[in-house]
Amino acid sequence: MESNIYLANINDREIVPLTQFEGSLTENPVWSPDGEHIAFSAT
């Protein structure tokens, strides 16, 4: 199983992949307080 993180703009329906892992799971994504970064774990 694998998972990735995407950013979706609901106004123009654009979806941008932020990660491209193969064979890994991304879990618990959290935005930084300033909205500039995303922290997550990958296993």
C-alpha atoms as a PDB file:
ATOM      1  CA  MET A   1       0.000   0.000   0.000  1.00  0.00           C
ATOM      2  CA  GLU A   2       1.157   3.558  -0.621  1.00  0.00           C
ATOM      3  CA  SER A   3      -0.096   7.053   0.053  1.00  0.00           C
ATOM      4  CA  ASN A   4       0.942  10.578  -0.829  1.00  0.00           C
ATOM      5  CA  ILE A   5       0.061  14.137   0.133  1.00  0.00           C
ATOM      6  CA  TYR A   6      -1.712  16.471  -2.276  1.00  0.00           C
ATOM      7  CA  LEU A   7      -2.675  20.138  -2.132  1.00  0.00           C
ATOM      8  CA  ALA A   8      -6.133  20.876  -3.544  1.00  0.00           C
ATOM      9  CA  ASN A   9      -7.370  24.315  -4.576  1.00  0.00           C
ATOM     10  CA  ILE A  10     -11.152  24.192  -4.314  1.00  0.00           C
ATOM     11  CA  ASN A  11     -11.611  27.399  -6.321  1.00  0.00           C
ATOM     12  CA  ASP A  12     -10.077  26.142  -9.571  1.00  0.00           C
ATOM     13  CA  ARG A  13     -10.123  22.403  -8.744  1.00  0.00           C
ATOM     14  CA  GLU A  14      -6.362  22.116  -9.208  1.00  0.00           C
ATOM     15  CA  ILE A  15      -4.687  19.212  -7.395  1.00  0.00           C
ATOM     16  CA  VAL A  16      -0.915  19.351  -6.882  1.00  0.00           C
ATOM     17  CA  PRO A  17       1.062  16.362  -5.570  1.00  0.00           C
ATOM     18  CA  LEU A  18       3.415  17.375  -2.752  1.00  0.00           C
ATOM     19  CA  THR A  19       4.994  13.936  -2.262  1.00  0.00           C
ATOM     20  CA  GLN A  20       5.703  11.075  -4.657  1.00  0.00           C
ATOM     21  CA  PHE A  21       6.555   8.036  -2.556  1.00  0.00           C
ATOM     22  CA  GLU A  22       6.296   4.516  -3.950  1.00  0.00           C
ATOM     23  CA  GLY A  23       5.639   1.744  -1.464  1.00  0.00           C
ATOM     24  CA  SER A  24       5.446   4.085   1.542  1.00  0.00           C
ATOM     25  CA  LEU A  25       2.661   5.412   3.705  1.00  0.00           C
ATOM     26  CA  THR A  26       2.480   9.095   4.603  1.00  0.00           C
ATOM     27  CA  GLU A  27       0.745   9.691   7.909  1.00  0.00           C
ATOM     28  CA  ASN A  28      -0.262  12.486  10.276  1.00  0.00           C
ATOM     29  CA  PRO A  29       0.350  15.531   8.054  1.00  0.00           C
ATOM     30  CA  VAL A  30       0.295  18.808  10.012  1.00  0.00           C
ATOM     31  CA  TRP A  31       0.772  22.365   8.718  1.00  0.00           C
ATOM     32  CA  SER A  32       3.340  24.550  10.480  1.00  0.00           C
ATOM     33  CA  PRO A  33       1.871  27.546  12.342  1.00  0.00           C
ATOM     34  CA  ASP A  34       2.970  29.934   9.557  1.00  0.00           C
ATOM     35  CA  GLY A  35       1.424  27.714   6.845  1.00  0.00           C
ATOM     36  CA  GLU A  36       4.729  27.358   4.990  1.00  0.00           C
ATOM     37  CA  HIS A  37       5.590  23.710   5.750  1.00  0.00           C
ATOM     38  CA  ILE A  38       3.952  20.350   6.295  1.00  0.00           C
ATOM     39  CA  ALA A  39       5.394  17.837   8.751  1.00  0.00           C
ATOM     40  CA  PHE A  40       4.491  14.155   8.305  1.00  0.00           C
ATOM     41  CA  SER A  41       5.826  10.688   8.876  1.00  0.00           C
ATOM     42  CA  ALA A  42       6.536   8.190   6.114  1.00  0.00           C
ATOM     43  CA  THR A  43       6.967   4.481   6.681  1.00  0.00           C
END
